[in-house]
Amino acid sequence: MRYFPTPYPDELLGSVLIRACHHLGLPPASLVKVLEDGSSDLFYLYPSFFQGLSRLTNLSSSDLLLRHTVFPYAAIGLPTKRRALLERELLTATARGNSVRLRAALGLHLEDLSRRRFCKQCRDEECKQIGESYWHRLHALPGVFVCPEHSEPLCVSGISVLPKLSNVNAKLPQEVDGSPVDWGLDAHTLQRLAAVVLESIALPAETWNDVSIEYQRYAMKIGAENRQCRWDVQQCVLDFNRLYGEVFLHKVGLQLTSVGSDAWPARLANGASSSPLLQLRHILLRLFLKF
């Protein structure tokens, strides 16, 4: 094949596939034959077709995984060995084989997290500058509810991220409508939350090997500043709940069922691996303890 679209910065592979369908005039079912790497279906979110995409874009499979999929987010909180295992599985398995793991990471059981999100300002600027818009990886991550570049609330479309690509849903942002969601948090906190997501996906893999030590250090510092000789678990959980509020925690499926040592923020700080939405739990706790 003489032509295949090159991924834009921070573009999801699913978006690249949609643009390929548009540029080549092919339905998704026909594009599968062009990729020729043994996979059976095209998906918006689940990474696959690495061999074919690597061949057509002249980018390595590893670069595609790290720069154009949600893998760096899904790996948040994973020790280096488990992260390496997940990377190998994603590069070699089919999209369906990893759907359960990615659903747990991205909260796709929640309606507002399971639909494609976009920034109107990004969309308008891209259409003006490059003649089309695309789906950004960062906009798809839980915790990123405002555009990191423009600080504008992301619009939630009516298109689910889950089904395989078809003529019905193989659409780019300029082809869909959407409106912002009220997440129940003020704009400043939403901006800081998005910044912590970006920070978290950029941290070295070994950061997560024993992250509870870091959390304990932050908590002890908070206790010292309040002239306490130890971390007051109940007060910390109460403050956590006060920062985010019950509305937001409910919207993202992480509401607290207690305010004691068995509350998920306290258990996570002590080294537990709570799921689902383990990654967003880490992000919310990091933001709370740091700021």
C-alpha atoms as a PDB file:
ATOM      1  CA  MET A   1       0.000   0.000   0.000  1.00  0.00           C
ATOM      2  CA  ARG A   2       1.388   3.396  -1.004  1.00  0.00           C
ATOM      3  CA  TYR A   3      -0.501   5.476   1.549  1.00  0.00           C
ATOM      4  CA  PHE A   4      -1.629   5.104   5.144  1.00  0.00           C
ATOM      5  CA  PRO A   5      -2.253   7.972   7.614  1.00  0.00           C
ATOM      6  CA  THR A   6       0.507   8.761  10.095  1.00  0.00           C
ATOM      7  CA  PRO A   7      -0.636   9.042  13.740  1.00  0.00           C
ATOM      8  CA  TYR A   8      -0.945  12.580  15.052  1.00  0.00           C
ATOM      9  CA  PRO A   9       0.541  13.431  18.479  1.00  0.00           C
ATOM     10  CA  ASP A  10      -1.473  11.729  21.239  1.00  0.00           C
ATOM     11  CA  GLU A  11      -3.839  10.102  18.746  1.00  0.00           C
ATOM     12  CA  LEU A  12      -5.482   6.829  19.735  1.00  0.00           C
ATOM     13  CA  LEU A  13      -4.834   3.914  17.370  1.00  0.00           C
ATOM     14  CA  GLY A  14      -8.589   3.571  16.983  1.00  0.00           C
ATOM     15  CA  SER A  15      -8.673   7.125  15.662  1.00  0.00           C
ATOM     16  CA  VAL A  16      -5.896   6.299  13.184  1.00  0.00           C
ATOM     17  CA  LEU A  17      -7.985   3.376  11.941  1.00  0.00           C
ATOM     18  CA  ILE A  18     -11.045   5.595  11.539  1.00  0.00           C
ATOM     19  CA  ARG A  19      -9.030   8.153   9.561  1.00  0.00           C
ATOM     20  CA  ALA A  20      -7.656   5.338   7.403  1.00  0.00           C
ATOM     21  CA  CYS A  21     -11.219   4.293   6.574  1.00  0.00           C
ATOM     22  CA  HIS A  22     -12.043   7.896   5.654  1.00  0.00           C
ATOM     23  CA  HIS A  23      -8.890   8.526   3.605  1.00  0.00           C
ATOM     24  CA  LEU A  24      -8.888   5.213   1.762  1.00  0.00           C
ATOM     25  CA  GLY A  25     -12.641   5.028   1.253  1.00  0.00           C
ATOM     26  CA  LEU A  26     -12.813   1.617   2.907  1.00  0.00           C
ATOM     27  CA  PRO A  27     -15.324   0.264   5.418  1.00  0.00           C
ATOM     28  CA  PRO A  28     -13.771  -1.151   8.611  1.00  0.00           C
ATOM     29  CA  ALA A  29     -14.371  -4.728   7.456  1.00  0.00           C
ATOM     30  CA  SER A  30     -12.267  -4.119   4.340  1.00  0.00           C
ATOM     31  CA  LEU A  31      -9.495  -2.326   6.235  1.00  0.00           C
ATOM     32  CA  VAL A  32      -8.933  -5.517   8.243  1.00  0.00           C
ATOM     33  CA  LYS A  33      -7.666  -7.200   5.069  1.00  0.00           C
ATOM     34  CA  VAL A  34      -5.191  -4.368   4.469  1.00  0.00           C
ATOM     35  CA  LEU A  35      -3.675  -4.777   7.933  1.00  0.00           C
ATOM     36  CA  GLU A  36      -3.164  -8.545   7.502  1.00  0.00           C
ATOM     37  CA  ASP A  37      -1.858  -9.510  10.931  1.00  0.00           C
ATOM     38  CA  GLY A  38      -4.305 -12.163  12.065  1.00  0.00           C
ATOM     39  CA  SER A  39      -6.685 -10.006  14.120  1.00  0.00           C
ATOM     40  CA  SER A  40     -10.341 -10.196  13.231  1.00  0.00           C
ATOM     41  CA  ASP A  41     -11.980  -6.900  14.229  1.00  0.00           C
ATOM     42  CA  LEU A  42     -11.112  -3.211  14.461  1.00  0.00           C
ATOM     43  CA  PHE A  43     -11.723  -1.501  17.796  1.00  0.00           C
ATOM     44  CA  TYR A  44     -11.673   2.144  18.847  1.00  0.00           C
ATOM     45  CA  LEU A  45     -10.090   1.570  22.260  1.00  0.00           C
ATOM     46  CA  TYR A  46      -8.655  -1.935  22.530  1.00  0.00           C
ATOM     47  CA  PRO A  47      -5.124  -2.015  21.050  1.00  0.00           C
ATOM     48  CA  SER A  48      -4.466  -4.561  18.311  1.00  0.00           C
ATOM     49  CA  PHE A  49      -3.118  -4.866  14.746  1.00  0.00           C
ATOM     50  CA  PHE A  50       0.353  -3.816  15.907  1.00  0.00           C
ATOM     51  CA  GLN A  51       2.176  -5.743  13.177  1.00  0.00           C
ATOM     52  CA  GLY A  52       0.124  -4.301  10.359  1.00  0.00           C
ATOM     53  CA  LEU A  53       0.090  -0.773  11.771  1.00  0.00           C
ATOM     54  CA  SER A  54       3.825  -0.862  12.411  1.00  0.00           C
ATOM     55  CA  ARG A  55       4.435  -1.911   8.821  1.00  0.00           C
ATOM     56  CA  LEU A  56       2.158   0.785   7.372  1.00  0.00           C
ATOM     57  CA  THR A  57       3.212   3.680   9.638  1.00  0.00           C
ATOM     58  CA  ASN A  58       6.943   2.876   9.936  1.00  0.00           C
ATOM     59  CA  LEU A  59       6.614   3.093  13.718  1.00  0.00           C
ATOM     60  CA  SER A  60       7.659   0.282  16.040  1.00  0.00           C
ATOM     61  CA  SER A  61       5.005  -1.719  17.858  1.00  0.00           C
ATOM     62  CA  SER A  62       6.441  -0.482  21.153  1.00  0.00           C
ATOM     63  CA  ASP A  63       6.140   3.180  20.084  1.00  0.00           C
ATOM     64  CA  LEU A  64       2.559   2.622  18.994  1.00  0.00           C
ATOM     65  CA  LEU A  65       1.714   0.992  22.326  1.00  0.00           C
ATOM     66  CA  LEU A  66       3.366   3.656  24.485  1.00  0.00           C
ATOM     67  CA  ARG A  67       2.328   6.756  22.545  1.00  0.00           C
ATOM     68  CA  HIS A  68      -1.000   5.862  20.966  1.00  0.00           C
ATOM     69  CA  THR A  69      -2.817   3.519  23.344  1.00  0.00           C
ATOM     70  CA  VAL A  70      -4.093   3.674  26.915  1.00  0.00           C
ATOM     71  CA  PHE A  71      -1.380   1.241  28.061  1.00  0.00           C
ATOM     72  CA  PRO A  72       0.607   3.834  30.096  1.00  0.00           C
ATOM     73  CA  TYR A  73      -2.598   4.606  32.016  1.00  0.00           C
ATOM     74  CA  ALA A  74      -3.582   0.955  32.465  1.00  0.00           C
ATOM     75  CA  ALA A  75      -0.094   0.315  33.893  1.00  0.00           C
ATOM     76  CA  ILE A  76      -0.469   2.897  36.691  1.00  0.00           C
ATOM     77  CA  GLY A  77      -0.087   1.163  40.040  1.00  0.00           C
ATOM     78  CA  LEU A  78       1.425  -2.008  38.566  1.00  0.00           C
ATOM     79  CA  PRO A  79       4.844  -3.258  39.748  1.00  0.00           C
ATOM     80  CA  THR A  80       7.442  -3.475  36.990  1.00  0.00           C
ATOM     81  CA  LYS A  81       7.055  -7.238  36.459  1.00  0.00           C
ATOM     82  CA  ARG A  82       3.291  -7.033  36.060  1.00  0.00           C
ATOM     83  CA  ARG A  83       3.663  -3.986  33.812  1.00  0.00           C
ATOM     84  CA  ALA A  84       6.101  -5.860  31.563  1.00  0.00           C
ATOM     85  CA  LEU A  85       3.714  -8.818  31.422  1.00  0.00           C
ATOM     86  CA  LEU A  86       0.801  -6.564  30.455  1.00  0.00           C
ATOM     87  CA  GLU A  87       2.914  -4.970  27.731  1.00  0.00           C
ATOM     88  CA  ARG A  88       3.772  -8.369  26.245  1.00  0.00           C
ATOM     89  CA  GLU A  89       0.141  -9.484  26.400  1.00  0.00           C
ATOM     90  CA  LEU A  90      -1.109  -6.354  24.663  1.00  0.00           C
ATOM     91  CA  LEU A  91       1.487  -6.612  21.910  1.00  0.00           C
ATOM     92  CA  THR A  92       0.792 -10.271  21.185  1.00  0.00           C
ATOM     93  CA  ALA A  93      -2.849 -10.929  22.102  1.00  0.00           C
ATOM     94  CA  THR A  94      -6.060  -9.961  20.355  1.00  0.00           C
ATOM     95  CA  ALA A  95      -8.122  -6.997  21.489  1.00  0.00           C
ATOM     96  CA  ARG A  96     -10.761  -9.275  22.964  1.00  0.00           C
ATOM     97  CA  GLY A  97      -8.188 -11.039  25.104  1.00  0.00           C
ATOM     98  CA  ASN A  98      -7.485  -7.873  27.065  1.00  0.00           C
ATOM     99  CA  SER A  99     -10.955  -6.353  27.184  1.00  0.00           C
ATOM    100  CA  VAL A 100     -11.650  -7.295  30.812  1.00  0.00           C
ATOM    101  CA  ARG A 101      -8.375  -5.779  32.046  1.00  0.00           C
ATOM    102  CA  LEU A 102      -8.897  -2.523  30.152  1.00  0.00           C
ATOM    103  CA  ARG A 103     -12.540  -2.232  31.175  1.00  0.00           C
ATOM    104  CA  ALA A 104     -11.475  -2.416  34.820  1.00  0.00           C
ATOM    105  CA  ALA A 105      -8.774   0.209  34.258  1.00  0.00           C
ATOM    106  CA  LEU A 106     -10.969   2.684  32.391  1.00  0.00           C
ATOM    107  CA  GLY A 107     -14.231   2.324  34.287  1.00  0.00           C
ATOM    108  CA  LEU A 108     -16.179   1.395  31.188  1.00  0.00           C
ATOM    109  CA  HIS A 109     -19.012   0.070  33.338  1.00  0.00           C
ATOM    110  CA  LEU A 110     -19.876   3.727  34.054  1.00  0.00           C
ATOM    111  CA  GLU A 111     -21.935   5.503  31.396  1.00  0.00           C
ATOM    112  CA  ASP A 112     -20.051   8.821  31.311  1.00  0.00           C
ATOM    113  CA  LEU A 113     -16.674   7.037  31.177  1.00  0.00           C
ATOM    114  CA  SER A 114     -17.743   4.610  28.446  1.00  0.00           C
ATOM    115  CA  ARG A 115     -18.405   7.201  25.732  1.00  0.00           C
ATOM    116  CA  ARG A 116     -15.953   9.030  23.514  1.00  0.00           C
ATOM    117  CA  ARG A 117     -14.875  12.462  24.802  1.00  0.00           C
ATOM    118  CA  PHE A 118     -13.451  15.405  22.899  1.00  0.00           C
ATOM    119  CA  CYS A 119     -12.470  19.067  23.311  1.00  0.00           C
ATOM    120  CA  LYS A 120     -14.379  21.473  21.075  1.00  0.00           C
ATOM    121  CA  GLN A 121     -11.442  23.851  20.913  1.00  0.00           C
ATOM    122  CA  CYS A 122      -9.050  21.062  19.883  1.00  0.00           C
ATOM    123  CA  ARG A 123     -11.552  19.934  17.262  1.00  0.00           C
ATOM    124  CA  ASP A 124     -11.995  23.414  15.791  1.00  0.00           C
ATOM    125  CA  GLU A 125      -8.263  24.194  15.742  1.00  0.00           C
ATOM    126  CA  GLU A 126      -7.393  20.839  14.141  1.00  0.00           C
ATOM    127  CA  CYS A 127     -10.033  21.207  11.437  1.00  0.00           C
ATOM    128  CA  LYS A 128      -8.658  24.657  10.640  1.00  0.00           C
ATOM    129  CA  GLN A 129      -4.993  23.658  10.710  1.00  0.00           C
ATOM    130  CA  ILE A 130      -4.930  20.101   9.294  1.00  0.00           C
ATOM    131  CA  GLY A 131      -8.374  19.724   7.733  1.00  0.00           C
ATOM    132  CA  GLU A 132      -9.659  17.083  10.152  1.00  0.00           C
ATOM    133  CA  SER A 133      -9.856  16.331  13.860  1.00  0.00           C
ATOM    134  CA  TYR A 134      -8.948  13.177  15.731  1.00  0.00           C
ATOM    135  CA  TRP A 135      -9.590  11.336  18.987  1.00  0.00           C
ATOM    136  CA  HIS A 136      -7.001  12.134  21.652  1.00  0.00           C
ATOM    137  CA  ARG A 137      -5.680   9.456  23.992  1.00  0.00           C
ATOM    138  CA  LEU A 138      -5.543  11.853  26.954  1.00  0.00           C
ATOM    139  CA  HIS A 139      -9.204  12.773  26.510  1.00  0.00           C
ATOM    140  CA  ALA A 140     -10.151   9.104  26.934  1.00  0.00           C
ATOM    141  CA  LEU A 141      -8.515   8.674  30.358  1.00  0.00           C
ATOM    142  CA  PRO A 142     -10.509   8.695  33.605  1.00  0.00           C
ATOM    143  CA  GLY A 143      -9.506  11.753  35.587  1.00  0.00           C
ATOM    144  CA  VAL A 144      -9.070  13.877  32.464  1.00  0.00           C
ATOM    145  CA  PHE A 145     -12.390  15.688  32.322  1.00  0.00           C
ATOM    146  CA  VAL A 146     -11.010  19.012  31.073  1.00  0.00           C
ATOM    147  CA  CYS A 147      -8.653  19.390  28.126  1.00  0.00           C
ATOM    148  CA  PRO A 148      -5.080  19.582  29.479  1.00  0.00           C
ATOM    149  CA  GLU A 149      -4.154  22.069  26.756  1.00  0.00           C
ATOM    150  CA  HIS A 150      -7.174  24.389  26.794  1.00  0.00           C
ATOM    151  CA  SER A 151      -8.603  23.769  30.299  1.00  0.00           C
ATOM    152  CA  GLU A 152     -12.025  23.468  28.659  1.00  0.00           C
ATOM    153  CA  PRO A 153     -14.545  20.835  29.852  1.00  0.00           C
ATOM    154  CA  LEU A 154     -14.517  17.807  27.583  1.00  0.00           C
ATOM    155  CA  CYS A 155     -17.695  17.053  25.673  1.00  0.00           C
ATOM    156  CA  VAL A 156     -19.130  13.560  26.015  1.00  0.00           C
ATOM    157  CA  SER A 157     -20.503  12.145  22.776  1.00  0.00           C
ATOM    158  CA  GLY A 158     -23.200   9.545  22.357  1.00  0.00           C
ATOM    159  CA  ILE A 159     -20.777   6.995  20.855  1.00  0.00           C
ATOM    160  CA  SER A 160     -19.671   4.122  23.064  1.00  0.00           C
ATOM    161  CA  VAL A 161     -15.967   3.249  23.117  1.00  0.00           C
ATOM    162  CA  LEU A 162     -16.751  -0.467  23.406  1.00  0.00           C
ATOM    163  CA  PRO A 163     -18.150  -1.857  20.117  1.00  0.00           C
ATOM    164  CA  LYS A 164     -15.948  -2.837  17.213  1.00  0.00           C
ATOM    165  CA  LEU A 165     -15.638  -0.223  14.484  1.00  0.00           C
ATOM    166  CA  SER A 166     -18.417  -0.168  11.911  1.00  0.00           C
ATOM    167  CA  ASN A 167     -19.802   2.194   9.300  1.00  0.00           C
ATOM    168  CA  VAL A 168     -22.069   3.606  12.014  1.00  0.00           C
ATOM    169  CA  ASN A 169     -19.440   4.526  14.629  1.00  0.00           C
ATOM    170  CA  ALA A 170     -16.287   5.067  12.516  1.00  0.00           C
ATOM    171  CA  LYS A 171     -16.583   8.824  13.000  1.00  0.00           C
ATOM    172  CA  LEU A 172     -14.194  11.636  13.910  1.00  0.00           C
ATOM    173  CA  PRO A 173     -14.942  14.448  16.402  1.00  0.00           C
ATOM    174  CA  GLN A 174     -16.061  16.866  13.676  1.00  0.00           C
ATOM    175  CA  GLU A 175     -18.774  14.354  12.737  1.00  0.00           C
ATOM    176  CA  VAL A 176     -20.387  14.019  16.174  1.00  0.00           C
ATOM    177  CA  ASP A 177     -22.151  16.137  18.760  1.00  0.00           C
ATOM    178  CA  GLY A 178     -21.537  16.196  22.486  1.00  0.00           C
ATOM    179  CA  SER A 179     -21.947  18.238  25.630  1.00  0.00           C
ATOM    180  CA  PRO A 180     -19.999  18.618  28.884  1.00  0.00           C
ATOM    181  CA  VAL A 181     -20.897  16.544  31.941  1.00  0.00           C
ATOM    182  CA  ASP A 182     -21.227  18.061  35.407  1.00  0.00           C
ATOM    183  CA  TRP A 183     -18.738  16.001  37.393  1.00  0.00           C
ATOM    184  CA  GLY A 184     -19.486  17.814  40.637  1.00  0.00           C
ATOM    185  CA  LEU A 185     -15.986  19.309  41.005  1.00  0.00           C
ATOM    186  CA  ASP A 186     -14.844  22.901  40.575  1.00  0.00           C
ATOM    187  CA  ALA A 187     -12.830  23.811  37.478  1.00  0.00           C
ATOM    188  CA  HIS A 188      -9.563  24.341  39.374  1.00  0.00           C
ATOM    189  CA  THR A 189      -9.644  20.882  40.971  1.00  0.00           C
ATOM    190  CA  LEU A 190     -10.517  19.295  37.621  1.00  0.00           C
ATOM    191  CA  GLN A 191      -7.496  20.992  36.055  1.00  0.00           C
ATOM    192  CA  ARG A 192      -5.196  19.772  38.847  1.00  0.00           C
ATOM    193  CA  LEU A 193      -6.678  16.294  38.504  1.00  0.00           C
ATOM    194  CA  ALA A 194      -5.896  16.216  34.772  1.00  0.00           C
ATOM    195  CA  ALA A 195      -2.341  17.372  35.541  1.00  0.00           C
ATOM    196  CA  VAL A 196      -1.842  14.493  38.003  1.00  0.00           C
ATOM    197  CA  VAL A 197      -3.048  12.015  35.350  1.00  0.00           C
ATOM    198  CA  LEU A 198      -0.382  13.306  32.958  1.00  0.00           C
ATOM    199  CA  GLU A 199       2.222  13.149  35.712  1.00  0.00           C
ATOM    200  CA  SER A 200       1.218   9.607  36.668  1.00  0.00           C
ATOM    201  CA  ILE A 201       1.464   8.127  33.163  1.00  0.00           C
ATOM    202  CA  ALA A 202       4.936   9.675  32.784  1.00  0.00           C
ATOM    203  CA  LEU A 203       6.367   8.285  36.043  1.00  0.00           C
ATOM    204  CA  PRO A 204       9.033   5.563  35.769  1.00  0.00           C
ATOM    205  CA  ALA A 205       7.667   2.040  36.065  1.00  0.00           C
ATOM    206  CA  GLU A 206       9.556   1.346  39.312  1.00  0.00           C
ATOM    207  CA  THR A 207       7.647   4.185  41.014  1.00  0.00           C
ATOM    208  CA  TRP A 208       4.754   1.818  41.618  1.00  0.00           C
ATOM    209  CA  ASN A 209       6.732  -1.089  43.106  1.00  0.00           C
ATOM    210  CA  ASP A 210       6.064   0.082  46.670  1.00  0.00           C
ATOM    211  CA  VAL A 211       4.081   3.273  46.259  1.00  0.00           C
ATOM    212  CA  SER A 212       2.452   2.912  49.678  1.00  0.00           C
ATOM    213  CA  ILE A 213       5.754   4.138  51.221  1.00  0.00           C
ATOM    214  CA  GLU A 214       5.337   7.409  49.340  1.00  0.00           C
ATOM    215  CA  TYR A 215       1.710   7.699  50.460  1.00  0.00           C
ATOM    216  CA  GLN A 216       2.672   7.056  54.081  1.00  0.00           C
ATOM    217  CA  ARG A 217       5.352   9.744  53.839  1.00  0.00           C
ATOM    218  CA  TYR A 218       2.856  12.287  52.536  1.00  0.00           C
ATOM    219  CA  ALA A 219       0.369  11.322  55.249  1.00  0.00           C
ATOM    220  CA  MET A 220       2.946  11.646  58.022  1.00  0.00           C
ATOM    221  CA  LYS A 221       3.923  15.063  56.697  1.00  0.00           C
ATOM    222  CA  ILE A 222       0.277  16.126  56.834  1.00  0.00           C
ATOM    223  CA  GLY A 223       0.096  14.846  60.411  1.00  0.00           C
ATOM    224  CA  ALA A 224       3.261  16.727  61.382  1.00  0.00           C
ATOM    225  CA  GLU A 225       1.951  19.962  59.907  1.00  0.00           C
ATOM    226  CA  ASN A 226      -1.173  19.546  62.000  1.00  0.00           C
ATOM    227  CA  ARG A 227       0.999  18.855  65.096  1.00  0.00           C
ATOM    228  CA  GLN A 228      -0.132  15.266  65.325  1.00  0.00           C
ATOM    229  CA  CYS A 229       2.332  12.524  66.128  1.00  0.00           C
ATOM    230  CA  ARG A 230       0.647  10.012  63.802  1.00  0.00           C
ATOM    231  CA  TRP A 231      -1.593   9.777  60.779  1.00  0.00           C
ATOM    232  CA  ASP A 232      -5.228  10.164  61.821  1.00  0.00           C
ATOM    233  CA  VAL A 233      -6.823   7.688  59.416  1.00  0.00           C
ATOM    234  CA  GLN A 234     -10.415   8.704  60.007  1.00  0.00           C
ATOM    235  CA  GLN A 235      -9.682  12.410  59.660  1.00  0.00           C
ATOM    236  CA  CYS A 236      -7.689  11.753  56.492  1.00  0.00           C
ATOM    237  CA  VAL A 237     -10.587   9.834  54.937  1.00  0.00           C
ATOM    238  CA  LEU A 238     -13.032  12.550  55.982  1.00  0.00           C
ATOM    239  CA  ASP A 239     -10.812  15.202  54.400  1.00  0.00           C
ATOM    240  CA  PHE A 240     -10.517  13.082  51.241  1.00  0.00           C
ATOM    241  CA  ASN A 241     -14.305  12.819  51.014  1.00  0.00           C
ATOM    242  CA  ARG A 242     -14.633  16.557  51.634  1.00  0.00           C
ATOM    243  CA  LEU A 243     -12.129  17.451  48.891  1.00  0.00           C
ATOM    244  CA  TYR A 244     -13.825  15.456  46.149  1.00  0.00           C
ATOM    245  CA  GLY A 245     -17.382  15.406  47.428  1.00  0.00           C
ATOM    246  CA  GLU A 246     -19.921  12.613  47.324  1.00  0.00           C
ATOM    247  CA  VAL A 247     -21.319  13.703  43.941  1.00  0.00           C
ATOM    248  CA  PHE A 248     -17.993  13.374  42.122  1.00  0.00           C
ATOM    249  CA  LEU A 249     -16.993  10.120  43.825  1.00  0.00           C
ATOM    250  CA  HIS A 250     -20.376   8.646  42.921  1.00  0.00           C
ATOM    251  CA  LYS A 251     -20.083   9.837  39.303  1.00  0.00           C
ATOM    252  CA  VAL A 252     -16.769   8.016  38.905  1.00  0.00           C
ATOM    253  CA  GLY A 253     -17.894   4.927  40.809  1.00  0.00           C
ATOM    254  CA  LEU A 254     -15.550   5.389  43.787  1.00  0.00           C
ATOM    255  CA  GLN A 255     -17.885   6.510  46.555  1.00  0.00           C
ATOM    256  CA  LEU A 256     -16.828   5.731  50.137  1.00  0.00           C
ATOM    257  CA  THR A 257     -18.748   3.132  52.096  1.00  0.00           C
ATOM    258  CA  SER A 258     -17.029   4.038  55.366  1.00  0.00           C
ATOM    259  CA  VAL A 259     -14.689   6.653  56.844  1.00  0.00           C
ATOM    260  CA  GLY A 260     -12.426   4.320  58.801  1.00  0.00           C
ATOM    261  CA  SER A 261      -9.367   2.198  58.092  1.00  0.00           C
ATOM    262  CA  ASP A 262     -11.432  -0.022  55.790  1.00  0.00           C
ATOM    263  CA  ALA A 263     -12.234   2.892  53.421  1.00  0.00           C
ATOM    264  CA  TRP A 264     -10.542   2.366  50.069  1.00  0.00           C
ATOM    265  CA  PRO A 265      -8.222   5.454  50.301  1.00  0.00           C
ATOM    266  CA  ALA A 266      -6.841   4.168  53.618  1.00  0.00           C
ATOM    267  CA  ARG A 267      -6.460   0.618  52.321  1.00  0.00           C
ATOM    268  CA  LEU A 268      -4.757   1.827  49.138  1.00  0.00           C
ATOM    269  CA  ALA A 269      -2.335   3.961  51.167  1.00  0.00           C
ATOM    270  CA  ASN A 270      -1.478   0.845  53.158  1.00  0.00           C
ATOM    271  CA  GLY A 271      -0.618  -1.182  50.055  1.00  0.00           C
ATOM    272  CA  ALA A 272      -3.900  -2.822  49.047  1.00  0.00           C
ATOM    273  CA  SER A 273      -4.600  -3.291  45.328  1.00  0.00           C
ATOM    274  CA  SER A 274      -8.241  -2.311  45.097  1.00  0.00           C
ATOM    275  CA  SER A 275     -10.099  -2.747  41.831  1.00  0.00           C
ATOM    276  CA  PRO A 276     -11.755  -1.800  39.575  1.00  0.00           C
ATOM    277  CA  LEU A 277     -10.526   1.688  38.680  1.00  0.00           C
ATOM    278  CA  LEU A 278      -7.261   1.038  40.533  1.00  0.00           C
ATOM    279  CA  GLN A 279      -5.528   3.649  38.385  1.00  0.00           C
ATOM    280  CA  LEU A 280      -8.021   6.422  39.154  1.00  0.00           C
ATOM    281  CA  ARG A 281      -7.842   5.545  42.864  1.00  0.00           C
ATOM    282  CA  HIS A 282      -4.077   6.126  42.775  1.00  0.00           C
ATOM    283  CA  ILE A 283      -4.538   9.419  40.935  1.00  0.00           C
ATOM    284  CA  LEU A 284      -7.164  10.747  43.359  1.00  0.00           C
ATOM    285  CA  LEU A 285      -5.080   9.725  46.372  1.00  0.00           C
ATOM    286  CA  ARG A 286      -1.893  11.294  44.950  1.00  0.00           C
ATOM    287  CA  LEU A 287      -3.679  14.575  44.293  1.00  0.00           C
ATOM    288  CA  PHE A 288      -5.213  14.584  47.778  1.00  0.00           C
ATOM    289  CA  LEU A 289      -1.973  13.815  49.632  1.00  0.00           C
ATOM    290  CA  LYS A 290       0.177  16.166  47.559  1.00  0.00           C
ATOM    291  CA  PHE A 291      -2.072  19.227  47.549  1.00  0.00           C
END
